[in-house]
Structures are given as structure tokens and as C-alpha cells.
Amino acid sequence: MALGACAAPCVLAQDSPQPTPAGAPVDVEATVEATREAARSAALWLASGVDSWFGNKPFSEGGEVKDGQLNLRFYSRQDQKADYSVTFNARFKLPNLESRTYLFTGRDNAAAVVTDRPSTFATRQRLLQPESTQDTAFFAGLGRTLGDSVDARIGFQGGLKLYAQGRFRKEWRTSADDTAEFSQTVFVTAQDRLGSSTVASLQHQFSPTLVGRWLNVVDVTQVDPNVEWNGSLGVFKSLGQQRLLSLELLASAKQNTGLSLTDYGLQMRWEQPVLHNRLTGELIFGHFWPQSLVPGDRSTAWALGTGVKMKF
């Protein structure tokens, strides 16, 4: 079955939307719901088409879309050019493949996808250096879980740029209120050759609605053997009804730059549902202190970010 064909039941057949009369107000809620349905239908169409390459079992018999998410974000920092990003991510269970094999696809920052960088630092990186259309690229591939803590991926991003990953993740409950997590990703690309990304975090629950977290990421590649470190120390307060307020101290450093820290700052984020929980909106304020070896060249920069997130 070709990718353009539709597995039973057909997920593309939908009633045509009725045109809005001239001058009539736009129904924002209906527009958002139509967008969600269109995104899910497109994802199902893609997944069912790819699944048909591996067998004749209908996608409806065990096929599933997981973690589907569409994001629209705008970020600006005083010492950088304002920019925006449109990203999406989804993971699929394919009936014609073994239960431990899955398809993943999306459009996101290419470096973050390959290194498996946590979203905390993906957000901070956009505030520090806004993405261009060349930084954000389409990616897709196949993954296979190898036990509870290990999985392997092979895919392409930014056209036909092949990459491979091996990932190990483990979480420990050290006490009733404390959790430790460790993640190691080893990757291979033509641009970076061999590289690795190490993530370690400690989390403490002060109360049912207040959590503290210390997160560290270390990246290194064969092409750039200078170790890069990013750290975050923050508190996260749940205010009910899926509303979340967080405050984080962020810092970064790189080997052989002559600086103990290359950049640090404070970032506050507010997140809450909008439009009857169909969308999640976020607002970010940041104040950063970029470092320099040039005397008197050190400055400060305010940052602002906003965006919406839609799950499908």
C-alpha cells in the first residue's frame, strides 16, 4: 500500500467545513478544534501509510498516535534578534511492526533532537540564540525499546541527514520525597561524528504542590571536544486546574573559553490551559547576564517568551 493510500478505516474522509458568512464572527473554539482534528488526521494518515510498508494488517488493529503535540512560540531577548518557532512531535505504534518498535516524527530544533536535549534547555537556548529556519528541521525515524531502560533510534533530519542514537534512562526513588534520574544518549551524525549527552537530575517534593529540581546536562562531540554544560536549579508550584508557576536559575559553561560561566540568568514561566483545556498557553520572563573576556563588555539582557501548545 502506497503512502498516499488510506488504511481502513480511512482517516482522511471528513465533512467539508461550512464557509463562514461574510462579516460573521470567527468561532475561535471551533477553529482550534478543527486544527486539532486536522493535525491528528494528518498524523494518522502518515502512520498508516508507513505501517503498510511492513505488512497488510490494518492500522486500526492496534495502531496508535502517542504524545502528539503542536507548538507555536515567540521569543525575544534584548541582545538577540526576535524570532518564532513552529514545532510538532508525535510517536506512533505500528501494528505491522513488533510491539517494541515505534515510529517517531516531527519538526524541531535539529541539535536538540539529535542530542536528546531536555525541553528546559531547548527553551533557554531559544531565548539565548533564537532559532532560524535552518535550525528547525523535519525529522523522522524508527525506534526500538530494548528492555525497560534502553532504546535505539535511527532516523534522518533536515532532509536526508542520517543520525543514530542509543539511549539509557534510569530513575531511582531515593526516599518518599526524593527522586534521582540519569540519562545517557550516544549519537552519531555526519556533522558531529560521535557524540554524547549526559543528563542528571535530583527532584525533591516539598509539598503536594511544590517541587524543587536540580538538572544538569553535559554535551561533547568528536568535532567539538570542548565539554559544554547547562544547569538549572528551580522550584515549580502547582496552583490547581493545570496552572503551573516556575522560577529557575539557569547557567551555562564551556571548556576552553576562559570563562567560568558563559551565561547565566533567572527565568520565570507561567503555564495554564486556555479554551476549555484544548490549548495550553505559556508566558516566560527572563533576565540574563552574558559573560565576556573583554573588560567592561559584560551586559544584561531582558527576555520575553510566549506561546501555545496543542495536544492531538
C-alpha atoms as a PDB file:
ATOM      1  CA  MET A   1       0.000   0.000   0.000  1.00  0.00           C
ATOM      2  CA  ALA A   2       1.425   3.358  -1.023  1.00  0.00           C
ATOM      3  CA  LEU A   3       1.943   6.168   1.468  1.00  0.00           C
ATOM      4  CA  GLY A   4      -0.734   8.209  -0.249  1.00  0.00           C
ATOM      5  CA  ALA A   5      -3.313   5.444   0.193  1.00  0.00           C
ATOM      6  CA  CYS A   6      -5.586   5.292   3.206  1.00  0.00           C
ATOM      7  CA  ALA A   7      -5.773   2.292   5.562  1.00  0.00           C
ATOM      8  CA  ALA A   8      -9.168   1.117   6.759  1.00  0.00           C
ATOM      9  CA  PRO A   9     -10.895   2.895   8.309  1.00  0.00           C
ATOM     10  CA  CYS A  10      -9.985   5.912   6.209  1.00  0.00           C
ATOM     11  CA  VAL A  11      -8.846   8.781   8.439  1.00  0.00           C
ATOM     12  CA  LEU A  12      -8.932  11.400   5.708  1.00  0.00           C
ATOM     13  CA  ALA A  13     -12.602  11.314   4.905  1.00  0.00           C
ATOM     14  CA  GLN A  14     -14.191  14.218   6.805  1.00  0.00           C
ATOM     15  CA  ASP A  15     -17.117  16.513   6.264  1.00  0.00           C
ATOM     16  CA  SER A  16     -16.153  19.694   4.420  1.00  0.00           C
ATOM     17  CA  PRO A  17     -16.305  22.713   6.749  1.00  0.00           C
ATOM     18  CA  GLN A  18     -19.150  25.109   6.036  1.00  0.00           C
ATOM     19  CA  PRO A  19     -17.988  28.543   4.862  1.00  0.00           C
ATOM     20  CA  THR A  20     -18.317  31.361   7.389  1.00  0.00           C
ATOM     21  CA  PRO A  21     -20.762  34.059   6.177  1.00  0.00           C
ATOM     22  CA  ALA A  22     -19.126  37.360   5.347  1.00  0.00           C
ATOM     23  CA  GLY A  23     -18.946  39.607   8.379  1.00  0.00           C
ATOM     24  CA  ALA A  24     -19.793  36.818  10.847  1.00  0.00           C
ATOM     25  CA  PRO A  25     -17.556  36.495  13.939  1.00  0.00           C
ATOM     26  CA  VAL A  26     -14.945  33.745  13.848  1.00  0.00           C
ATOM     27  CA  ASP A  27     -15.613  30.874  16.248  1.00  0.00           C
ATOM     28  CA  VAL A  28     -12.154  30.540  17.816  1.00  0.00           C
ATOM     29  CA  GLU A  29     -13.015  27.365  19.729  1.00  0.00           C
ATOM     30  CA  ALA A  30     -14.332  25.658  16.589  1.00  0.00           C
ATOM     31  CA  THR A  31     -11.212  26.738  14.678  1.00  0.00           C
ATOM     32  CA  VAL A  32      -8.914  25.280  17.342  1.00  0.00           C
ATOM     33  CA  GLU A  33     -10.851  22.015  17.409  1.00  0.00           C
ATOM     34  CA  ALA A  34     -10.718  21.789  13.610  1.00  0.00           C
ATOM     35  CA  THR A  35      -6.938  22.354  13.757  1.00  0.00           C
ATOM     36  CA  ARG A  36      -6.554  19.572  16.341  1.00  0.00           C
ATOM     37  CA  GLU A  37      -8.570  17.170  14.212  1.00  0.00           C
ATOM     38  CA  ALA A  38      -6.613  18.096  11.078  1.00  0.00           C
ATOM     39  CA  ALA A  39      -3.279  17.548  12.863  1.00  0.00           C
ATOM     40  CA  ARG A  40      -4.401  14.173  14.216  1.00  0.00           C
ATOM     41  CA  SER A  41      -5.802  13.085  10.835  1.00  0.00           C
ATOM     42  CA  ALA A  42      -2.545  14.012   9.096  1.00  0.00           C
ATOM     43  CA  ALA A  43      -0.553  12.080  11.726  1.00  0.00           C
ATOM     44  CA  LEU A  44      -2.778   9.017  11.363  1.00  0.00           C
ATOM     45  CA  TRP A  45      -2.526   9.181   7.581  1.00  0.00           C
ATOM     46  CA  LEU A  46       1.274   9.274   7.778  1.00  0.00           C
ATOM     47  CA  ALA A  47       1.439   6.481  10.347  1.00  0.00           C
ATOM     48  CA  SER A  48      -0.966   4.181   8.483  1.00  0.00           C
ATOM     49  CA  GLY A  49       0.914   4.726   5.227  1.00  0.00           C
ATOM     50  CA  VAL A  50       4.304   3.901   6.755  1.00  0.00           C
ATOM     51  CA  ASP A  51       2.826   0.931   8.613  1.00  0.00           C
ATOM     52  CA  SER A  52       1.526  -0.517   5.328  1.00  0.00           C
ATOM     53  CA  TRP A  53       5.142  -0.835   4.109  1.00  0.00           C
ATOM     54  CA  PHE A  54       5.718  -3.608   6.673  1.00  0.00           C
ATOM     55  CA  GLY A  55       2.586  -5.760   6.257  1.00  0.00           C
ATOM     56  CA  ASN A  56      -1.117  -5.997   5.475  1.00  0.00           C
ATOM     57  CA  LYS A  57      -2.545  -5.699   8.971  1.00  0.00           C
ATOM     58  CA  PRO A  58      -4.948  -2.696   9.138  1.00  0.00           C
ATOM     59  CA  PHE A  59      -3.685   0.254  11.171  1.00  0.00           C
ATOM     60  CA  SER A  60      -6.977   0.236  13.085  1.00  0.00           C
ATOM     61  CA  GLU A  61      -5.958  -3.081  14.679  1.00  0.00           C
ATOM     62  CA  GLY A  62      -3.580  -1.757  17.323  1.00  0.00           C
ATOM     63  CA  GLY A  63      -2.276   1.420  15.676  1.00  0.00           C
ATOM     64  CA  GLU A  64      -1.900   4.389  17.996  1.00  0.00           C
ATOM     65  CA  VAL A  65      -0.731   8.005  17.990  1.00  0.00           C
ATOM     66  CA  LYS A  66       1.103   8.952  21.208  1.00  0.00           C
ATOM     67  CA  ASP A  67       2.495  12.237  22.522  1.00  0.00           C
ATOM     68  CA  GLY A  68       1.176  14.281  19.580  1.00  0.00           C
ATOM     69  CA  GLN A  69       1.947  17.941  20.221  1.00  0.00           C
ATOM     70  CA  LEU A  70       1.958  21.142  18.134  1.00  0.00           C
ATOM     71  CA  ASN A  71       3.738  24.245  19.491  1.00  0.00           C
ATOM     72  CA  LEU A  72       3.803  27.859  18.373  1.00  0.00           C
ATOM     73  CA  ARG A  73       6.299  30.005  20.283  1.00  0.00           C
ATOM     74  CA  PHE A  74       7.702  33.524  20.095  1.00  0.00           C
ATOM     75  CA  TYR A  75      10.857  34.562  21.971  1.00  0.00           C
ATOM     76  CA  SER A  76      12.793  37.776  22.189  1.00  0.00           C
ATOM     77  CA  ARG A  77      15.903  38.803  24.083  1.00  0.00           C
ATOM     78  CA  GLN A  78      17.338  42.314  24.180  1.00  0.00           C
ATOM     79  CA  ASP A  79      20.734  41.367  22.812  1.00  0.00           C
ATOM     80  CA  GLN A  80      19.364  38.998  20.166  1.00  0.00           C
ATOM     81  CA  LYS A  81      17.040  39.195  17.183  1.00  0.00           C
ATOM     82  CA  ALA A  82      13.417  38.278  17.965  1.00  0.00           C
ATOM     83  CA  ASP A  83      12.284  35.014  16.400  1.00  0.00           C
ATOM     84  CA  TYR A  84       9.498  32.448  16.455  1.00  0.00           C
ATOM     85  CA  SER A  85       9.272  28.683  16.021  1.00  0.00           C
ATOM     86  CA  VAL A  86       6.570  26.242  14.956  1.00  0.00           C
ATOM     87  CA  THR A  87       7.316  22.691  16.076  1.00  0.00           C
ATOM     88  CA  PHE A  88       5.468  19.408  16.357  1.00  0.00           C
ATOM     89  CA  ASN A  89       6.286  15.963  17.703  1.00  0.00           C
ATOM     90  CA  ALA A  90       4.493  12.613  17.622  1.00  0.00           C
ATOM     91  CA  ARG A  91       5.213   8.961  18.284  1.00  0.00           C
ATOM     92  CA  PHE A  92       3.304   6.067  16.710  1.00  0.00           C
ATOM     93  CA  LYS A  93       2.667   2.437  17.479  1.00  0.00           C
ATOM     94  CA  LEU A  94       2.576   0.456  14.213  1.00  0.00           C
ATOM     95  CA  PRO A  95       0.609  -2.834  14.147  1.00  0.00           C
ATOM     96  CA  ASN A  96       2.766  -4.398  11.400  1.00  0.00           C
ATOM     97  CA  LEU A  97       5.944  -3.947  13.425  1.00  0.00           C
ATOM     98  CA  GLU A  98       6.883  -5.716  16.637  1.00  0.00           C
ATOM     99  CA  SER A  99       5.426  -4.269  19.828  1.00  0.00           C
ATOM    100  CA  ARG A 100       8.794  -2.804  20.885  1.00  0.00           C
ATOM    101  CA  THR A 101       9.307  -0.889  17.606  1.00  0.00           C
ATOM    102  CA  TYR A 102       7.804   2.553  17.033  1.00  0.00           C
ATOM    103  CA  LEU A 103       7.799   5.389  14.513  1.00  0.00           C
ATOM    104  CA  PHE A 104       8.638   8.960  15.560  1.00  0.00           C
ATOM    105  CA  THR A 105       8.396  12.165  13.567  1.00  0.00           C
ATOM    106  CA  GLY A 106       8.182  15.916  13.990  1.00  0.00           C
ATOM    107  CA  ARG A 107       9.695  19.309  13.291  1.00  0.00           C
ATOM    108  CA  ASP A 108      12.020  20.742  15.929  1.00  0.00           C
ATOM    109  CA  ASN A 109      15.483  22.130  16.599  1.00  0.00           C
ATOM    110  CA  ALA A 110      17.843  19.701  14.851  1.00  0.00           C
ATOM    111  CA  ALA A 111      20.554  19.808  17.540  1.00  0.00           C
ATOM    112  CA  ALA A 112      18.011  19.201  20.322  1.00  0.00           C
ATOM    113  CA  VAL A 113      16.565  16.169  18.509  1.00  0.00           C
ATOM    114  CA  VAL A 114      19.943  14.530  17.917  1.00  0.00           C
ATOM    115  CA  THR A 115      21.363  15.165  21.401  1.00  0.00           C
ATOM    116  CA  ASP A 116      18.039  14.396  23.121  1.00  0.00           C
ATOM    117  CA  ARG A 117      18.293  17.714  24.984  1.00  0.00           C
ATOM    118  CA  PRO A 118      15.674  18.312  27.734  1.00  0.00           C
ATOM    119  CA  SER A 119      12.981  20.851  26.857  1.00  0.00           C
ATOM    120  CA  THR A 120      14.153  23.127  29.693  1.00  0.00           C
ATOM    121  CA  PHE A 121      17.369  23.865  27.831  1.00  0.00           C
ATOM    122  CA  ALA A 122      15.702  23.889  24.426  1.00  0.00           C
ATOM    123  CA  THR A 123      13.596  26.805  25.694  1.00  0.00           C
ATOM    124  CA  ARG A 124      16.574  28.559  27.239  1.00  0.00           C
ATOM    125  CA  GLN A 125      18.632  28.082  24.100  1.00  0.00           C
ATOM    126  CA  ARG A 126      15.951  29.813  22.034  1.00  0.00           C
ATOM    127  CA  LEU A 127      15.970  32.727  24.463  1.00  0.00           C
ATOM    128  CA  LEU A 128      19.742  32.954  24.217  1.00  0.00           C
ATOM    129  CA  GLN A 129      20.054  32.353  20.483  1.00  0.00           C
ATOM    130  CA  PRO A 130      16.724  32.483  18.614  1.00  0.00           C
ATOM    131  CA  GLU A 131      16.266  29.744  16.052  1.00  0.00           C
ATOM    132  CA  SER A 132      16.345  30.358  12.344  1.00  0.00           C
ATOM    133  CA  THR A 133      14.506  28.323   9.758  1.00  0.00           C
ATOM    134  CA  GLN A 134      17.777  26.459   9.177  1.00  0.00           C
ATOM    135  CA  ASP A 135      17.954  25.412  12.869  1.00  0.00           C
ATOM    136  CA  THR A 136      14.439  23.950  12.853  1.00  0.00           C
ATOM    137  CA  ALA A 137      14.010  20.936  10.582  1.00  0.00           C
ATOM    138  CA  PHE A 138      11.776  17.964   9.882  1.00  0.00           C
ATOM    139  CA  PHE A 139      12.861  14.639  11.370  1.00  0.00           C
ATOM    140  CA  ALA A 140      11.569  11.059  11.293  1.00  0.00           C
ATOM    141  CA  GLY A 141      12.788   7.569  12.050  1.00  0.00           C
ATOM    142  CA  LEU A 142      12.237   4.231  13.748  1.00  0.00           C
ATOM    143  CA  GLY A 143      12.984   3.373  17.367  1.00  0.00           C
ATOM    144  CA  ARG A 144      13.129   0.106  19.282  1.00  0.00           C
ATOM    145  CA  THR A 145      12.972  -0.382  23.045  1.00  0.00           C
ATOM    146  CA  LEU A 146      15.494  -2.860  24.443  1.00  0.00           C
ATOM    147  CA  GLY A 147      14.235  -3.528  27.937  1.00  0.00           C
ATOM    148  CA  ASP A 148      12.845  -1.013  30.392  1.00  0.00           C
ATOM    149  CA  SER A 149      15.718   1.475  30.283  1.00  0.00           C
ATOM    150  CA  VAL A 150      17.332   1.257  26.837  1.00  0.00           C
ATOM    151  CA  ASP A 151      16.175   2.104  23.351  1.00  0.00           C
ATOM    152  CA  ALA A 152      17.834   2.693  19.984  1.00  0.00           C
ATOM    153  CA  ARG A 153      16.825   5.053  17.180  1.00  0.00           C
ATOM    154  CA  ILE A 154      17.784   5.594  13.583  1.00  0.00           C
ATOM    155  CA  GLY A 155      16.359   8.416  11.509  1.00  0.00           C
ATOM    156  CA  PHE A 156      17.000  11.482   9.405  1.00  0.00           C
ATOM    157  CA  GLN A 157      16.658  15.209   9.982  1.00  0.00           C
ATOM    158  CA  GLY A 158      16.969  18.314   7.857  1.00  0.00           C
ATOM    159  CA  GLY A 159      16.478  16.488   4.549  1.00  0.00           C
ATOM    160  CA  LEU A 160      18.375  13.207   4.307  1.00  0.00           C
ATOM    161  CA  LYS A 161      20.909  13.784   7.091  1.00  0.00           C
ATOM    162  CA  LEU A 162      21.078  10.406   8.788  1.00  0.00           C
ATOM    163  CA  TYR A 163      21.630  10.025  12.522  1.00  0.00           C
ATOM    164  CA  ALA A 164      21.533   7.212  15.074  1.00  0.00           C
ATOM    165  CA  GLN A 165      21.022   7.213  18.843  1.00  0.00           C
ATOM    166  CA  GLY A 166      21.406   4.821  21.700  1.00  0.00           C
ATOM    167  CA  ARG A 167      19.690   5.932  24.918  1.00  0.00           C
ATOM    168  CA  PHE A 168      19.771   4.705  28.508  1.00  0.00           C
ATOM    169  CA  ARG A 169      17.408   6.144  31.129  1.00  0.00           C
ATOM    170  CA  LYS A 170      17.003   5.175  34.756  1.00  0.00           C
ATOM    171  CA  GLU A 171      15.030   6.670  37.641  1.00  0.00           C
ATOM    172  CA  TRP A 172      15.501   5.955  41.341  1.00  0.00           C
ATOM    173  CA  ARG A 173      13.132   6.755  44.191  1.00  0.00           C
ATOM    174  CA  THR A 174      15.678   7.507  46.908  1.00  0.00           C
ATOM    175  CA  SER A 175      13.067   8.421  49.538  1.00  0.00           C
ATOM    176  CA  ALA A 176       9.382   9.230  49.828  1.00  0.00           C
ATOM    177  CA  ASP A 177      10.046  12.799  48.655  1.00  0.00           C
ATOM    178  CA  ASP A 178      13.216  12.462  46.564  1.00  0.00           C
ATOM    179  CA  THR A 179      13.822  11.192  43.032  1.00  0.00           C
ATOM    180  CA  ALA A 180      17.048  10.886  41.048  1.00  0.00           C
ATOM    181  CA  GLU A 181      17.226  10.386  37.284  1.00  0.00           C
ATOM    182  CA  PHE A 182      20.111   9.624  34.937  1.00  0.00           C
ATOM    183  CA  SER A 183      20.097   9.574  31.139  1.00  0.00           C
ATOM    184  CA  GLN A 184      22.909   8.851  28.689  1.00  0.00           C
ATOM    185  CA  THR A 185      22.471   9.368  24.937  1.00  0.00           C
ATOM    186  CA  VAL A 186      25.200   8.377  22.478  1.00  0.00           C
ATOM    187  CA  PHE A 187      24.657   9.621  18.916  1.00  0.00           C
ATOM    188  CA  VAL A 188      26.337   9.550  15.512  1.00  0.00           C
ATOM    189  CA  THR A 189      25.898  12.148  12.757  1.00  0.00           C
ATOM    190  CA  ALA A 190      27.916  13.106   9.673  1.00  0.00           C
ATOM    191  CA  GLN A 191      28.333  16.636  11.056  1.00  0.00           C
ATOM    192  CA  ASP A 192      29.330  15.837  14.660  1.00  0.00           C
ATOM    193  CA  ARG A 193      30.548  12.264  14.138  1.00  0.00           C
ATOM    194  CA  LEU A 194      30.381  10.532  17.545  1.00  0.00           C
ATOM    195  CA  GLY A 195      28.884  12.470  20.440  1.00  0.00           C
ATOM    196  CA  SER A 196      27.215  12.049  23.796  1.00  0.00           C
ATOM    197  CA  SER A 197      24.745  13.875  26.020  1.00  0.00           C
ATOM    198  CA  THR A 198      24.529  13.126  29.746  1.00  0.00           C
ATOM    199  CA  VAL A 199      21.581  14.258  31.863  1.00  0.00           C
ATOM    200  CA  ALA A 200      21.382  14.009  35.662  1.00  0.00           C
ATOM    201  CA  SER A 201      18.654  15.426  37.880  1.00  0.00           C
ATOM    202  CA  LEU A 202      17.565  15.446  41.510  1.00  0.00           C
ATOM    203  CA  GLN A 203      13.994  16.301  42.497  1.00  0.00           C
ATOM    204  CA  HIS A 204      12.561  16.982  45.952  1.00  0.00           C
ATOM    205  CA  GLN A 205       8.875  17.310  46.755  1.00  0.00           C
ATOM    206  CA  PHE A 206       8.433  19.928  49.491  1.00  0.00           C
ATOM    207  CA  SER A 207       4.648  19.585  49.478  1.00  0.00           C
ATOM    208  CA  PRO A 208       1.942  18.089  47.235  1.00  0.00           C
ATOM    209  CA  THR A 209       2.022  21.314  45.162  1.00  0.00           C
ATOM    210  CA  LEU A 210       5.680  22.434  45.437  1.00  0.00           C
ATOM    211  CA  VAL A 211       8.676  20.682  43.843  1.00  0.00           C
ATOM    212  CA  GLY A 212      12.354  21.615  43.606  1.00  0.00           C
ATOM    213  CA  ARG A 213      14.659  20.302  40.865  1.00  0.00           C
ATOM    214  CA  TRP A 214      18.370  20.419  40.060  1.00  0.00           C
ATOM    215  CA  LEU A 215      19.054  19.499  36.420  1.00  0.00           C
ATOM    216  CA  ASN A 216      22.429  19.162  34.652  1.00  0.00           C
ATOM    217  CA  VAL A 217      23.290  18.396  31.016  1.00  0.00           C
ATOM    218  CA  VAL A 218      26.787  17.734  29.616  1.00  0.00           C
ATOM    219  CA  ASP A 219      27.360  17.551  25.830  1.00  0.00           C
ATOM    220  CA  VAL A 220      30.505  16.674  23.847  1.00  0.00           C
ATOM    221  CA  THR A 221      31.265  15.572  20.267  1.00  0.00           C
ATOM    222  CA  GLN A 222      34.294  14.417  18.289  1.00  0.00           C
ATOM    223  CA  VAL A 223      34.187  17.541  16.119  1.00  0.00           C
ATOM    224  CA  ASP A 224      33.996  19.832  19.161  1.00  0.00           C
ATOM    225  CA  PRO A 225      35.668  18.016  22.094  1.00  0.00           C
ATOM    226  CA  ASN A 226      35.218  21.014  24.421  1.00  0.00           C
ATOM    227  CA  VAL A 227      32.678  19.936  27.022  1.00  0.00           C
ATOM    228  CA  GLU A 228      29.531  22.087  27.234  1.00  0.00           C
ATOM    229  CA  TRP A 229      27.478  22.209  30.444  1.00  0.00           C
ATOM    230  CA  ASN A 230      23.994  23.563  31.101  1.00  0.00           C
ATOM    231  CA  GLY A 231      22.429  23.644  34.558  1.00  0.00           C
ATOM    232  CA  SER A 232      19.090  24.574  36.072  1.00  0.00           C
ATOM    233  CA  LEU A 233      18.035  24.969  39.702  1.00  0.00           C
ATOM    234  CA  GLY A 234      14.345  25.697  40.064  1.00  0.00           C
ATOM    235  CA  VAL A 235      11.119  25.459  42.001  1.00  0.00           C
ATOM    236  CA  PHE A 236       7.737  24.548  40.472  1.00  0.00           C
ATOM    237  CA  LYS A 237       4.430  25.481  42.099  1.00  0.00           C
ATOM    238  CA  SER A 238       1.127  23.938  41.025  1.00  0.00           C
ATOM    239  CA  LEU A 239      -1.813  26.290  41.537  1.00  0.00           C
ATOM    240  CA  GLY A 240      -4.517  23.801  40.552  1.00  0.00           C
ATOM    241  CA  GLN A 241      -6.531  23.411  37.349  1.00  0.00           C
ATOM    242  CA  GLN A 242      -3.316  22.595  35.429  1.00  0.00           C
ATOM    243  CA  ARG A 243      -1.790  26.003  36.234  1.00  0.00           C
ATOM    244  CA  LEU A 244       1.951  25.989  36.901  1.00  0.00           C
ATOM    245  CA  LEU A 245       4.363  28.700  38.043  1.00  0.00           C
ATOM    246  CA  SER A 246       8.111  28.092  37.956  1.00  0.00           C
ATOM    247  CA  LEU A 247      11.284  30.041  38.742  1.00  0.00           C
ATOM    248  CA  GLU A 248      14.667  28.745  37.545  1.00  0.00           C
ATOM    249  CA  LEU A 249      18.272  29.828  37.868  1.00  0.00           C
ATOM    250  CA  LEU A 250      19.939  28.886  34.564  1.00  0.00           C
ATOM    251  CA  ALA A 251      23.649  28.765  33.783  1.00  0.00           C
ATOM    252  CA  SER A 252      25.941  27.508  31.030  1.00  0.00           C
ATOM    253  CA  ALA A 253      29.663  26.972  30.614  1.00  0.00           C
ATOM    254  CA  LYS A 254      32.062  25.601  28.011  1.00  0.00           C
ATOM    255  CA  GLN A 255      35.558  24.232  28.278  1.00  0.00           C
ATOM    256  CA  ASN A 256      38.491  26.352  26.997  1.00  0.00           C
ATOM    257  CA  THR A 257      36.526  29.598  26.711  1.00  0.00           C
ATOM    258  CA  GLY A 258      38.481  31.275  29.519  1.00  0.00           C
ATOM    259  CA  LEU A 259      35.223  31.892  31.397  1.00  0.00           C
ATOM    260  CA  SER A 260      33.885  30.038  34.422  1.00  0.00           C
ATOM    261  CA  LEU A 261      30.365  30.694  33.059  1.00  0.00           C
ATOM    262  CA  THR A 262      29.451  31.814  29.559  1.00  0.00           C
ATOM    263  CA  ASP A 263      25.936  32.922  30.515  1.00  0.00           C
ATOM    264  CA  TYR A 264      23.562  32.811  33.474  1.00  0.00           C
ATOM    265  CA  GLY A 265      20.188  34.237  34.419  1.00  0.00           C
ATOM    266  CA  LEU A 266      16.776  33.889  36.002  1.00  0.00           C
ATOM    267  CA  GLN A 267      13.709  32.658  34.157  1.00  0.00           C
ATOM    268  CA  MET A 268      10.085  32.637  35.317  1.00  0.00           C
ATOM    269  CA  ARG A 269       7.375  30.732  33.466  1.00  0.00           C
ATOM    270  CA  TRP A 270       3.584  30.711  33.860  1.00  0.00           C
ATOM    271  CA  GLU A 271       1.524  27.984  32.173  1.00  0.00           C
ATOM    272  CA  GLN A 272      -2.242  27.448  32.141  1.00  0.00           C
ATOM    273  CA  PRO A 273      -4.949  25.895  29.950  1.00  0.00           C
ATOM    274  CA  VAL A 274      -6.991  28.095  27.615  1.00  0.00           C
ATOM    275  CA  LEU A 275     -10.093  27.455  25.513  1.00  0.00           C
ATOM    276  CA  HIS A 276     -11.555  24.692  27.716  1.00  0.00           C
ATOM    277  CA  ASN A 277      -8.197  22.867  28.026  1.00  0.00           C
ATOM    278  CA  ARG A 278      -7.818  22.491  24.255  1.00  0.00           C
ATOM    279  CA  LEU A 279      -4.720  24.699  24.336  1.00  0.00           C
ATOM    280  CA  THR A 280      -2.059  25.400  26.932  1.00  0.00           C
ATOM    281  CA  GLY A 281      -0.645  28.909  26.986  1.00  0.00           C
ATOM    282  CA  GLU A 282       2.687  29.956  28.466  1.00  0.00           C
ATOM    283  CA  LEU A 283       4.403  33.225  29.312  1.00  0.00           C
ATOM    284  CA  ILE A 284       8.134  33.477  30.062  1.00  0.00           C
ATOM    285  CA  PHE A 285      10.177  36.323  31.535  1.00  0.00           C
ATOM    286  CA  GLY A 286      13.944  36.133  31.815  1.00  0.00           C
ATOM    287  CA  HIS A 287      16.887  38.299  32.879  1.00  0.00           C
ATOM    288  CA  PHE A 288      20.339  37.160  31.732  1.00  0.00           C
ATOM    289  CA  TRP A 289      23.950  38.182  32.274  1.00  0.00           C
ATOM    290  CA  PRO A 290      26.070  37.136  29.231  1.00  0.00           C
ATOM    291  CA  GLN A 291      29.759  36.923  30.095  1.00  0.00           C
ATOM    292  CA  SER A 292      32.740  38.220  28.116  1.00  0.00           C
ATOM    293  CA  LEU A 293      36.530  38.224  28.384  1.00  0.00           C
ATOM    294  CA  VAL A 294      36.606  41.856  27.241  1.00  0.00           C
ATOM    295  CA  PRO A 295      36.711  44.201  30.300  1.00  0.00           C
ATOM    296  CA  GLY A 296      33.620  46.380  30.512  1.00  0.00           C
ATOM    297  CA  ASP A 297      31.852  44.381  27.779  1.00  0.00           C
ATOM    298  CA  ARG A 298      29.605  42.466  30.149  1.00  0.00           C
ATOM    299  CA  SER A 299      25.961  43.463  29.950  1.00  0.00           C
ATOM    300  CA  THR A 300      22.481  42.319  30.960  1.00  0.00           C
ATOM    301  CA  ALA A 301      19.528  41.372  28.799  1.00  0.00           C
ATOM    302  CA  TRP A 302      15.793  41.022  29.444  1.00  0.00           C
ATOM    303  CA  ALA A 303      13.974  38.234  27.649  1.00  0.00           C
ATOM    304  CA  LEU A 304      10.311  37.567  26.905  1.00  0.00           C
ATOM    305  CA  GLY A 305       8.638  34.496  25.516  1.00  0.00           C
ATOM    306  CA  THR A 306       5.083  33.413  24.858  1.00  0.00           C
ATOM    307  CA  GLY A 307       3.439  30.511  23.112  1.00  0.00           C
ATOM    308  CA  VAL A 308       0.646  27.990  22.893  1.00  0.00           C
ATOM    309  CA  LYS A 309       0.786  24.197  22.977  1.00  0.00           C
ATOM    310  CA  MET A 310      -1.874  21.924  21.480  1.00  0.00           C
ATOM    311  CA  LYS A 311      -2.018  18.163  22.037  1.00  0.00           C
ATOM    312  CA  PHE A 312      -3.597  15.879  19.448  1.00  0.00           C
END
